[in-house]
Amino acid sequence: MPFSMYMPAAGCEHMNSDVINKIRQFRSKHLSGEDLVQYICLDCSTPGSFPTLNKHFEETQHEFAVSQKTVYCGHCNDLVYDPTLSNTNKKRKFAEASDEDDSYLTTNTSQRPCGRIGVRGLFNLGETCYMNAVLQMMVHNPILASYFLGMGHPTHTCPISKEPDKKNDSDSEDEDEEKKEQQSCVACGMTEVFSDVTIVDQPTPAHAVPLLFASWKNIPEMSGKGQQDAQEWFMQIVDRLHEGVAQYKVPEKTNSINEANGISSIEKQCVCFFHKVFYGRENSQITCDTCHTVSSREDEFSSISLDFKKQVKKKKKAAKDAANSGDAKDKDALKITVPNIHECLRGFTAPEPLSPEQYNCQECKERRSASKQTRIRKLPAILCVHVKRFGMKQLGTGVFVPEKYEGKLDFSLQLDMAPYTTRPPKNGEDKEKYMYDLDCVVVHQGEHAHNGHYFAFCRQDNKWFRFDDEIVSATTTEDVMRQEAYLLFYSLRRIEKL
């Protein structure tokens, strides 16, 4: 059975020709010559942010809000792109930018021979803001740009995407078409995105239709129309990029080190570009409380998930205890209950108690209490830090419903990962190989993982820009640091070898 994919002819299934005509008339009457980021209800001209408009839609049964460039659908809870509403003859404007920033953007987005200077938005193809936010991180990363723009993955020779040379004469035309349709390479789709965004001389937003189709085919559980978790999509797309170009070899040096540390040897290890860039390795050690036997294992990771909710509770409890103790000094120090990234990383690598139900000691031959500690053995070139904001809560009726943990996490422009590794540098050793610089912040607005809207802040030529689907606006470092981050992407400051 052929793989079936849905791509609406309009922005979403809730839009029709009447709505499109109404939007055109509304814009010509109310938004002529304006460049607004604020959205206005199509039916009653009520302005507001997405949460405000969602509440307004629930109360009034109105459906759409519009700005000069985009349309927000109350049913989808997301921005939607309709090709019939785009005006490709007009040059894109940039919202909320100073004259200097606007001049920088306008100059570098037209007639640029290099292709690495300009910035472009990405059309929302129907609740694809989760994909757009992650893609903006990727296209603005110089390591990935060098790979995809430097023929790291030559699409014309890709064995996955090109049509089979030989066909079985007994196959029907439908079967041949099905075989051809099933050939879809994520790396080819990503190459096309880089080419479209960074090389093509277009001031208008780009689109990622081939990559979206390829991801739907290769990640069936995340296919079709609907909001997805940006962190989950990032991990899945990185896995598919790796699988498409995987190259394996026996890691003799790693195995000799593992043997000396009592860790099982690895039969084979991938040495492909994506594996080196996105994947790190973490070492977990479990120590039996009775016989003190230590068992170790290593696992790969493409993102580090930080327990934000646990740290917030810990900070609030400490503040409450300080207030009850009457110690004025401690009270002032613990008034702030906002956790920072280093506190969360310390929690990630701190020893964790295991009950006898969780651990069976191979030396004692029975279940024992133990402690488990995880530290990072190998750091990736691009580090994804995931702030866990989504979970489940139980209502009074016993029903579990999704929830989101709101609040600020203090993060930094530079991140020293040395304290969280298996071999932190000693005094006098070079720490540069553990230092990261912040490249991108992905923010989620909404109630839970499958509802709401994603946008990203990316650094380009030491300037920060906000990418909200097709809308690109210059911003400041201070504004970036104020965000309630969901994903933080850091790049290793010094890469010795890839």
Protein backbone atom coordinates (compact mmCIF):
# COMPACT_ATOMS: atom_id res chain seq x y z
CA MET A 1 0.00 0.00 0.00
CA PRO A 2 1.52 3.37 -0.99
CA PHE A 3 2.47 5.76 1.77
CA SER A 4 -0.25 8.38 2.06
CA MET A 5 0.68 11.94 2.95
CA TYR A 6 -1.56 14.91 3.61
CA MET A 7 -0.63 18.38 2.45
CA PRO A 8 -3.60 20.77 2.41
CA ALA A 9 -4.07 22.90 -0.70
CA ALA A 10 -4.87 25.79 1.63
CA GLY A 11 -3.14 26.73 4.87
CA CYS A 12 -5.24 24.23 6.79
CA GLU A 13 -8.53 22.39 6.32
CA HIS A 14 -10.36 25.19 8.14
CA MET A 15 -9.56 27.72 5.41
CA ASN A 16 -11.66 28.03 2.26
CA SER A 17 -12.06 30.54 -0.57
CA ASP A 18 -14.52 32.66 1.45
CA VAL A 19 -12.06 32.95 4.35
CA ILE A 20 -9.20 33.81 1.98
CA ASN A 21 -11.25 36.58 0.30
CA LYS A 22 -12.28 37.88 3.71
CA ILE A 23 -8.61 38.01 4.81
CA ARG A 24 -7.64 39.93 1.67
CA GLN A 25 -10.40 42.49 2.22
CA PHE A 26 -9.55 42.81 5.93
CA ARG A 27 -5.87 43.42 5.22
CA SER A 28 -6.53 46.04 2.56
CA LYS A 29 -8.89 47.87 4.89
CA HIS A 30 -7.23 47.54 8.31
CA LEU A 31 -3.57 46.62 7.77
CA SER A 32 -2.61 48.52 4.64
CA GLY A 33 1.03 49.63 4.80
CA GLU A 34 1.53 48.25 8.31
CA ASP A 35 3.99 45.61 9.44
CA LEU A 36 2.43 44.15 12.55
CA VAL A 37 3.53 41.27 14.71
CA GLN A 38 0.34 41.62 16.75
CA TYR A 39 -2.59 39.58 15.45
CA ILE A 40 -6.15 40.87 15.01
CA CYS A 41 -9.34 38.80 15.01
CA LEU A 42 -10.72 38.55 11.48
CA ASP A 43 -14.34 38.87 12.64
CA CYS A 44 -14.29 41.62 15.27
CA SER A 45 -10.81 43.28 15.09
CA THR A 46 -9.89 42.24 18.65
CA PRO A 47 -6.07 42.34 18.96
CA GLY A 48 -3.96 40.12 21.20
CA SER A 49 -1.30 37.49 21.71
CA PHE A 50 -1.92 33.84 20.87
CA PRO A 51 -3.11 32.88 24.41
CA THR A 52 -5.41 35.94 24.48
CA LEU A 53 -6.81 35.11 21.06
CA ASN A 54 -7.32 31.44 21.97
CA LYS A 55 -9.47 32.54 24.92
CA HIS A 56 -11.30 35.00 22.68
CA PHE A 57 -11.98 32.27 20.10
CA GLU A 58 -13.39 29.97 22.78
CA GLU A 59 -15.78 32.68 23.99
CA THR A 60 -16.90 33.97 20.58
CA GLN A 61 -16.49 30.94 18.27
CA HIS A 62 -14.41 33.12 15.95
CA GLU A 63 -11.76 31.22 14.03
CA PHE A 64 -8.94 33.32 12.56
CA ALA A 65 -6.60 36.17 13.42
CA VAL A 66 -4.39 37.93 10.88
CA SER A 67 -1.34 40.14 10.61
CA GLN A 68 0.06 41.75 7.48
CA LYS A 69 2.02 38.56 6.67
CA THR A 70 0.45 35.55 8.37
CA VAL A 71 -2.75 33.88 9.51
CA TYR A 72 -3.36 32.30 12.91
CA CYS A 73 -5.95 29.49 13.02
CA GLY A 74 -7.86 29.07 16.28
CA HIS A 75 -8.68 25.44 15.51
CA CYS A 76 -5.05 24.50 14.79
CA ASN A 77 -3.65 26.81 17.52
CA ASP A 78 -0.87 27.67 15.11
CA LEU A 79 0.21 29.91 12.25
CA VAL A 80 -0.79 28.56 8.84
CA TYR A 81 0.62 29.29 5.42
CA ASP A 82 -1.61 29.63 2.37
CA PRO A 83 0.20 30.09 -0.97
CA THR A 84 -2.70 32.06 -2.46
CA LEU A 85 -2.22 34.77 0.18
CA SER A 86 1.53 35.22 -0.32
CA ASN A 87 2.74 38.19 -2.33
CA THR A 88 6.03 37.19 -3.91
CA ASN A 89 6.39 40.53 -5.73
CA LYS A 90 6.82 42.52 -2.53
CA LYS A 91 10.03 42.42 -0.59
CA ARG A 92 9.78 41.00 2.90
CA LYS A 93 9.79 43.44 5.78
CA PHE A 94 11.27 42.78 9.18
CA ALA A 95 9.22 43.45 12.27
CA GLU A 96 10.45 45.21 15.38
CA ALA A 97 13.83 46.16 13.93
CA SER A 98 15.80 49.36 14.29
CA ASP A 99 16.94 51.28 11.20
CA GLU A 100 20.42 49.80 11.58
CA ASP A 101 19.13 46.25 11.95
CA ASP A 102 16.66 46.68 9.09
CA SER A 103 19.46 47.96 6.85
CA TYR A 104 21.63 44.97 7.82
CA LEU A 105 18.86 42.49 7.08
CA THR A 106 17.78 44.10 3.81
CA THR A 107 21.34 44.33 2.50
CA ASN A 108 22.24 40.75 3.34
CA THR A 109 19.05 39.15 2.12
CA SER A 110 19.28 40.31 -1.50
CA GLN A 111 21.90 39.54 -4.14
CA ARG A 112 24.24 37.76 -1.76
CA PRO A 113 26.82 35.63 -3.57
CA CYS A 114 28.03 33.81 -0.47
CA GLY A 115 24.72 32.61 0.88
CA ARG A 116 25.91 32.54 4.51
CA ILE A 117 25.17 36.18 5.34
CA GLY A 118 21.43 36.62 4.91
CA VAL A 119 18.58 35.38 7.07
CA ARG A 120 15.24 34.02 5.87
CA GLY A 121 12.09 32.80 7.50
CA LEU A 122 10.34 29.49 6.78
CA PHE A 123 6.71 29.14 5.78
CA ASN A 124 4.46 27.28 8.20
CA LEU A 125 3.10 24.36 6.17
CA GLY A 126 0.29 23.59 8.61
CA GLU A 127 1.37 23.26 12.26
CA THR A 128 5.05 22.82 11.32
CA CYS A 129 6.47 25.50 13.62
CA TYR A 130 8.18 22.73 15.64
CA MET A 131 10.16 21.80 12.52
CA ASN A 132 10.87 25.40 11.49
CA ALA A 133 12.34 26.28 14.90
CA VAL A 134 14.79 23.36 14.79
CA LEU A 135 15.66 23.98 11.13
CA GLN A 136 16.63 27.59 11.85
CA MET A 137 19.17 26.30 14.37
CA MET A 138 20.58 23.95 11.77
CA VAL A 139 20.85 26.35 8.84
CA HIS A 140 22.59 28.94 11.02
CA ASN A 141 25.18 26.50 12.35
CA PRO A 142 28.49 26.88 10.44
CA ILE A 143 29.46 23.20 10.87
CA LEU A 144 26.24 21.97 9.29
CA ALA A 145 26.30 24.70 6.63
CA SER A 146 29.82 23.66 5.59
CA TYR A 147 28.64 20.06 5.24
CA PHE A 148 25.40 20.58 3.34
CA LEU A 149 26.59 23.49 1.18
CA GLY A 150 29.90 21.78 0.51
CA MET A 151 28.41 18.69 -1.14
CA GLY A 152 28.74 16.64 2.04
CA HIS A 153 25.66 14.78 0.86
CA PRO A 154 25.56 14.83 -2.99
CA THR A 155 21.87 14.40 -3.79
CA HIS A 156 22.49 13.37 -7.41
CA THR A 157 24.33 10.21 -6.31
CA CYS A 158 22.27 9.40 -3.19
CA PRO A 159 21.36 5.68 -3.35
CA ILE A 160 18.20 6.26 -1.31
CA SER A 161 16.58 9.00 -3.37
CA LYS A 162 17.50 8.01 -6.91
CA GLU A 163 15.08 5.79 -8.80
CA PRO A 164 16.06 2.09 -9.07
CA ASP A 165 17.92 1.39 -12.32
CA LYS A 166 16.17 -1.89 -12.95
CA LYS A 167 12.50 -2.69 -12.70
CA ASN A 168 10.87 -6.08 -12.66
CA ASP A 169 8.81 -6.49 -15.81
CA SER A 170 6.22 -8.45 -13.88
CA ASP A 171 5.53 -5.50 -11.59
CA SER A 172 2.50 -3.40 -12.39
CA GLU A 173 2.74 0.35 -12.99
CA ASP A 174 1.15 0.95 -9.58
CA GLU A 175 3.82 -1.16 -7.87
CA ASP A 176 6.55 0.71 -9.74
CA GLU A 177 5.03 4.02 -8.66
CA GLU A 178 4.84 2.78 -5.09
CA LYS A 179 8.53 1.82 -5.11
CA LYS A 180 9.48 5.18 -6.51
CA GLU A 181 7.33 7.00 -3.98
CA GLN A 182 8.90 5.13 -1.07
CA GLN A 183 12.39 6.41 -1.95
CA SER A 184 12.81 9.40 0.34
CA CYS A 185 16.06 10.54 1.96
CA VAL A 186 16.04 12.91 4.92
CA ALA A 187 19.60 14.07 4.15
CA CYS A 188 18.53 14.99 0.59
CA GLY A 189 15.59 16.95 1.99
CA MET A 190 17.88 18.73 4.44
CA THR A 191 20.34 19.57 1.65
CA GLU A 192 17.52 21.18 -0.30
CA VAL A 193 16.54 23.29 2.74
CA PHE A 194 20.10 24.58 3.12
CA SER A 195 20.29 25.33 -0.59
CA ASP A 196 16.94 27.12 -0.59
CA VAL A 197 17.52 29.13 2.58
CA THR A 198 21.16 30.13 2.16
CA ILE A 199 21.94 30.18 -1.55
CA VAL A 200 18.86 31.05 -3.60
CA ASP A 201 18.61 34.83 -4.11
CA GLN A 202 15.11 35.26 -2.66
CA PRO A 203 14.05 37.88 -0.10
CA THR A 204 10.81 35.96 0.55
CA PRO A 205 10.51 33.11 3.10
CA ALA A 206 11.61 29.61 2.12
CA HIS A 207 9.76 26.33 2.59
CA ALA A 208 10.80 22.83 3.63
CA VAL A 209 8.24 20.70 1.78
CA PRO A 210 10.68 17.97 0.59
CA LEU A 211 12.12 17.57 4.07
CA LEU A 212 8.65 17.48 5.62
CA PHE A 213 7.60 14.72 3.22
CA ALA A 214 10.83 12.79 3.87
CA SER A 215 10.39 13.07 7.64
CA TRP A 216 6.79 11.86 7.40
CA LYS A 217 7.88 8.81 5.41
CA ASN A 218 10.83 8.02 7.66
CA ILE A 219 9.15 8.90 10.98
CA PRO A 220 5.60 7.45 10.62
CA GLU A 221 4.69 8.18 14.25
CA MET A 222 5.19 11.90 13.59
CA SER A 223 3.57 12.04 10.16
CA GLY A 224 0.46 13.92 9.09
CA LYS A 225 -0.99 17.21 10.12
CA GLY A 226 -0.70 18.08 13.80
CA GLN A 227 1.60 19.75 16.30
CA GLN A 228 4.64 17.75 17.41
CA ASP A 229 7.24 18.03 20.16
CA ALA A 230 10.24 19.97 18.79
CA GLN A 231 12.73 18.03 20.93
CA GLU A 232 11.35 14.67 19.82
CA TRP A 233 11.43 15.75 16.17
CA PHE A 234 15.04 16.94 16.54
CA MET A 235 16.13 13.58 17.99
CA GLN A 236 14.24 11.63 15.33
CA ILE A 237 15.54 13.69 12.41
CA VAL A 238 19.13 13.40 13.68
CA ASP A 239 18.68 9.61 13.91
CA ARG A 240 17.42 9.50 10.30
CA LEU A 241 20.30 11.68 9.07
CA HIS A 242 22.74 9.30 10.77
CA GLU A 243 21.02 6.17 9.44
CA GLY A 244 21.17 7.47 5.87
CA VAL A 245 24.97 7.83 5.83
CA ALA A 246 26.09 5.51 8.64
CA GLN A 247 29.68 4.24 8.50
CA TYR A 248 30.78 1.66 11.06
CA LYS A 249 34.15 0.46 12.34
CA VAL A 250 35.44 -1.42 15.38
CA PRO A 251 36.65 1.17 17.95
CA GLU A 252 39.83 -0.57 19.13
CA LYS A 253 41.10 2.41 21.15
CA THR A 254 37.74 2.89 22.90
CA ASN A 255 37.51 -0.83 23.68
CA SER A 256 40.95 -0.89 25.28
CA ILE A 257 39.95 2.04 27.53
CA ASN A 258 36.63 0.37 28.34
CA GLU A 259 38.37 -2.88 29.23
CA ALA A 260 40.63 -1.04 31.67
CA ASN A 261 37.57 0.53 33.30
CA GLY A 262 35.48 -2.65 33.44
CA ILE A 263 33.11 -1.56 30.66
CA SER A 264 31.88 -3.97 27.99
CA SER A 265 33.54 -3.65 24.59
CA ILE A 266 31.70 -2.17 21.61
CA GLU A 267 31.29 -4.37 18.54
CA LYS A 268 31.06 -1.46 16.13
CA GLN A 269 30.84 2.32 16.30
CA CYS A 270 29.51 4.78 13.74
CA VAL A 271 32.02 7.34 12.44
CA CYS A 272 29.68 9.28 10.12
CA PHE A 273 29.56 13.08 10.13
CA PHE A 274 26.20 13.33 11.91
CA HIS A 275 27.25 10.89 14.61
CA LYS A 276 30.31 12.97 15.43
CA VAL A 277 28.38 16.24 15.40
CA PHE A 278 25.19 15.38 17.30
CA TYR A 279 25.91 12.33 19.47
CA GLY A 280 27.69 12.21 22.78
CA ARG A 281 28.26 9.28 25.14
CA GLU A 282 27.30 9.07 28.80
CA ASN A 283 28.71 6.68 31.36
CA SER A 284 26.43 5.27 34.06
CA GLN A 285 27.89 3.58 37.15
CA ILE A 286 25.85 1.64 39.67
CA THR A 287 27.45 0.89 43.05
CA CYS A 288 25.93 -1.78 45.28
CA ASP A 289 25.41 -0.51 48.84
CA THR A 290 26.26 -3.96 50.26
CA CYS A 291 29.31 -5.29 48.40
CA HIS A 292 30.29 -1.99 46.73
CA THR A 293 30.66 -3.68 43.36
CA VAL A 294 30.60 -1.14 40.53
CA SER A 295 28.94 -1.97 37.22
CA SER A 296 29.28 0.41 34.28
CA ARG A 297 27.63 0.92 30.94
CA GLU A 298 27.77 3.51 28.20
CA ASP A 299 24.93 4.93 26.14
CA GLU A 300 24.68 7.44 23.34
CA PHE A 301 22.64 10.62 23.58
CA SER A 302 21.65 13.40 21.20
CA SER A 303 20.18 15.63 23.89
CA ILE A 304 20.50 16.10 27.65
CA SER A 305 17.16 16.38 29.44
CA LEU A 306 17.14 18.52 32.58
CA ASP A 307 14.54 17.99 35.31
CA PHE A 308 13.25 21.56 35.51
CA LYS A 309 10.26 20.79 37.75
CA LYS A 310 12.43 19.01 40.34
CA GLN A 311 14.85 21.93 40.54
CA VAL A 312 12.03 24.48 40.92
CA LYS A 313 10.58 22.46 43.82
CA LYS A 314 14.02 22.20 45.40
CA LYS A 315 14.58 25.96 45.18
CA LYS A 316 11.14 26.76 46.58
CA LYS A 317 11.65 24.37 49.49
CA ALA A 318 15.04 25.91 50.28
CA ALA A 319 13.53 29.40 50.18
CA LYS A 320 10.69 28.32 52.48
CA ASP A 321 13.09 26.66 54.93
CA ALA A 322 15.25 29.80 54.98
CA ALA A 323 12.21 31.96 55.65
CA ASN A 324 11.12 29.73 58.54
CA SER A 325 14.62 29.62 60.04
CA GLY A 326 14.67 33.36 60.67
CA ASP A 327 18.18 33.66 59.24
CA ALA A 328 18.07 36.99 57.39
CA LYS A 329 21.22 36.25 55.40
CA ASP A 330 19.92 32.92 54.06
CA LYS A 331 16.49 34.45 53.50
CA ASP A 332 17.87 37.12 51.16
CA ALA A 333 20.04 34.63 49.32
CA LEU A 334 17.18 32.25 48.63
CA LYS A 335 14.42 34.66 47.69
CA ILE A 336 15.00 33.86 44.02
CA THR A 337 13.47 30.49 43.14
CA VAL A 338 14.61 30.48 39.52
CA PRO A 339 16.96 27.54 38.89
CA ASN A 340 19.96 27.92 36.61
CA ILE A 341 21.37 25.56 34.04
CA HIS A 342 24.35 24.54 36.18
CA GLU A 343 22.08 23.53 39.09
CA CYS A 344 20.09 21.37 36.67
CA LEU A 345 23.27 19.82 35.23
CA ARG A 346 24.52 19.07 38.73
CA GLY A 347 21.20 17.36 39.39
CA PHE A 348 21.63 15.38 36.15
CA THR A 349 25.06 14.07 37.20
CA ALA A 350 24.37 13.70 40.95
CA PRO A 351 24.22 10.20 42.55
CA GLU A 352 20.71 8.76 42.49
CA PRO A 353 19.54 6.16 45.05
CA LEU A 354 18.10 2.90 43.73
CA SER A 355 15.81 0.68 45.78
CA PRO A 356 16.16 -3.14 45.86
CA GLU A 357 13.19 -3.30 43.48
CA GLN A 358 15.24 -1.32 40.94
CA TYR A 359 18.58 -3.15 41.13
CA ASN A 360 19.69 -6.77 41.14
CA CYS A 361 23.36 -7.11 42.14
CA GLN A 362 25.21 -9.70 40.04
CA GLU A 363 27.85 -10.15 42.74
CA CYS A 364 25.43 -10.59 45.66
CA LYS A 365 23.06 -12.63 43.47
CA GLU A 366 20.06 -10.82 44.92
CA ARG A 367 18.30 -7.49 44.92
CA ARG A 368 20.09 -4.72 46.78
CA SER A 369 19.85 -1.00 47.30
CA ALA A 370 22.42 0.92 45.28
CA SER A 371 23.39 4.33 43.94
CA LYS A 372 23.57 5.33 40.29
CA GLN A 373 25.59 8.19 38.83
CA THR A 374 25.69 9.39 35.24
CA ARG A 375 28.48 11.51 33.80
CA ILE A 376 29.38 12.48 30.25
CA ARG A 377 32.14 10.47 28.59
CA LYS A 378 32.16 12.16 25.15
CA LEU A 379 30.84 15.61 24.27
CA PRO A 380 29.15 16.27 20.90
CA ALA A 381 30.07 19.19 18.65
CA ILE A 382 26.49 20.48 18.88
CA LEU A 383 24.93 20.04 22.32
CA CYS A 384 21.16 20.05 22.70
CA VAL A 385 19.99 20.86 26.24
CA HIS A 386 16.35 19.94 26.72
CA VAL A 387 14.44 21.67 29.54
CA LYS A 388 11.74 19.17 30.51
CA ARG A 389 8.54 21.21 30.57
CA PHE A 390 5.91 18.64 29.60
CA GLY A 391 4.37 16.00 31.81
CA MET A 392 1.10 14.53 33.06
CA LYS A 393 -1.02 15.44 36.05
CA GLN A 394 -3.88 13.57 37.68
CA LEU A 395 -7.21 15.27 38.14
CA GLY A 396 -9.52 14.68 41.08
CA THR A 397 -11.48 12.24 38.93
CA GLY A 398 -8.38 10.09 38.51
CA VAL A 399 -7.94 11.04 34.85
CA PHE A 400 -4.45 11.99 33.68
CA VAL A 401 -4.12 15.04 31.47
CA PRO A 402 -1.05 16.73 29.91
CA GLU A 403 0.48 19.74 31.61
CA LYS A 404 3.33 22.18 31.08
CA TYR A 405 5.79 23.46 33.68
CA GLU A 406 6.07 27.20 33.15
CA GLY A 407 8.87 29.36 34.48
CA LYS A 408 12.28 30.77 33.76
CA LEU A 409 15.51 28.80 33.67
CA ASP A 410 18.63 30.95 33.89
CA PHE A 411 21.04 29.92 31.14
CA SER A 412 24.31 31.41 29.94
CA LEU A 413 25.90 32.46 26.66
CA GLN A 414 28.91 30.27 27.50
CA LEU A 415 28.65 26.82 29.04
CA ASP A 416 31.51 24.95 30.72
CA MET A 417 30.72 21.23 30.59
CA ALA A 418 33.97 20.10 32.23
CA PRO A 419 32.47 19.52 35.73
CA TYR A 420 29.94 17.05 34.32
CA THR A 421 32.36 14.79 32.46
CA THR A 422 34.05 11.57 33.51
CA ARG A 423 37.49 13.21 33.35
CA PRO A 424 37.32 16.92 34.33
CA PRO A 425 40.52 18.83 33.50
CA LYS A 426 43.05 19.24 36.31
CA ASN A 427 44.65 22.52 37.27
CA GLY A 428 46.63 23.92 34.37
CA GLU A 429 44.95 21.74 31.74
CA ASP A 430 43.27 23.28 28.71
CA LYS A 431 39.54 23.83 29.36
CA GLU A 432 38.68 25.17 25.90
CA LYS A 433 37.68 21.72 24.63
CA TYR A 434 34.89 21.69 27.23
CA MET A 435 33.56 25.19 26.45
CA TYR A 436 30.37 25.80 24.48
CA ASP A 437 28.81 28.94 23.03
CA LEU A 438 25.04 29.48 22.77
CA ASP A 439 23.75 29.41 19.19
CA CYS A 440 20.00 28.97 19.45
CA VAL A 441 17.10 29.10 21.92
CA VAL A 442 13.80 27.41 21.04
CA VAL A 443 10.73 28.63 22.93
CA HIS A 444 7.31 26.99 23.27
CA GLN A 445 4.13 28.95 23.94
CA GLY A 446 1.07 26.91 24.81
CA GLU A 447 -0.49 24.52 27.28
CA HIS A 448 1.25 21.23 26.43
CA ALA A 449 3.49 19.48 23.89
CA HIS A 450 0.82 19.00 21.23
CA ASN A 451 -0.72 22.42 21.55
CA GLY A 452 0.79 25.85 21.06
CA HIS A 453 3.49 27.46 18.98
CA TYR A 454 7.30 27.25 18.65
CA PHE A 455 9.73 29.96 17.62
CA ALA A 456 13.52 30.28 17.76
CA PHE A 457 16.25 32.80 18.50
CA CYS A 458 19.43 32.24 16.47
CA ARG A 459 22.79 33.93 16.41
CA GLN A 460 24.13 35.05 13.03
CA ASP A 461 27.38 37.04 12.73
CA ASN A 462 27.19 37.87 16.47
CA LYS A 463 23.72 39.36 16.03
CA TRP A 464 20.56 37.72 17.36
CA PHE A 465 17.37 37.25 15.35
CA ARG A 466 13.95 35.92 16.23
CA PHE A 467 12.56 33.41 13.72
CA ASP A 468 8.79 33.02 14.07
CA ASP A 469 8.02 30.90 11.01
CA GLU A 470 8.19 33.35 8.07
CA ILE A 471 8.59 36.44 10.28
CA VAL A 472 12.20 37.43 10.99
CA SER A 473 13.00 40.24 13.40
CA ALA A 474 16.26 41.54 14.84
CA THR A 475 16.50 41.35 18.62
CA THR A 476 18.97 41.82 21.46
CA THR A 477 21.01 39.48 23.61
CA GLU A 478 19.07 40.72 26.66
CA ASP A 479 15.78 39.69 25.05
CA VAL A 480 17.16 36.23 24.27
CA MET A 481 18.30 35.70 27.85
CA ARG A 482 14.83 36.59 29.16
CA GLN A 483 13.15 33.71 27.32
CA GLU A 484 11.63 30.65 28.96
CA ALA A 485 13.76 28.20 26.98
CA TYR A 486 12.57 24.77 25.94
CA LEU A 487 15.64 23.80 23.89
CA LEU A 488 19.13 25.30 24.13
CA PHE A 489 21.66 24.57 21.38
CA TYR A 490 25.34 25.10 22.15
CA SER A 491 28.32 24.68 19.79
CA LEU A 492 31.68 23.40 20.98
CA ARG A 493 34.13 26.29 20.92
CA ARG A 494 37.08 24.27 19.69
CA ILE A 495 36.69 21.21 17.49
CA GLU A 496 39.91 19.27 17.06
CA LYS A 497 38.71 16.74 14.51
CA LEU A 498 35.45 15.62 12.89
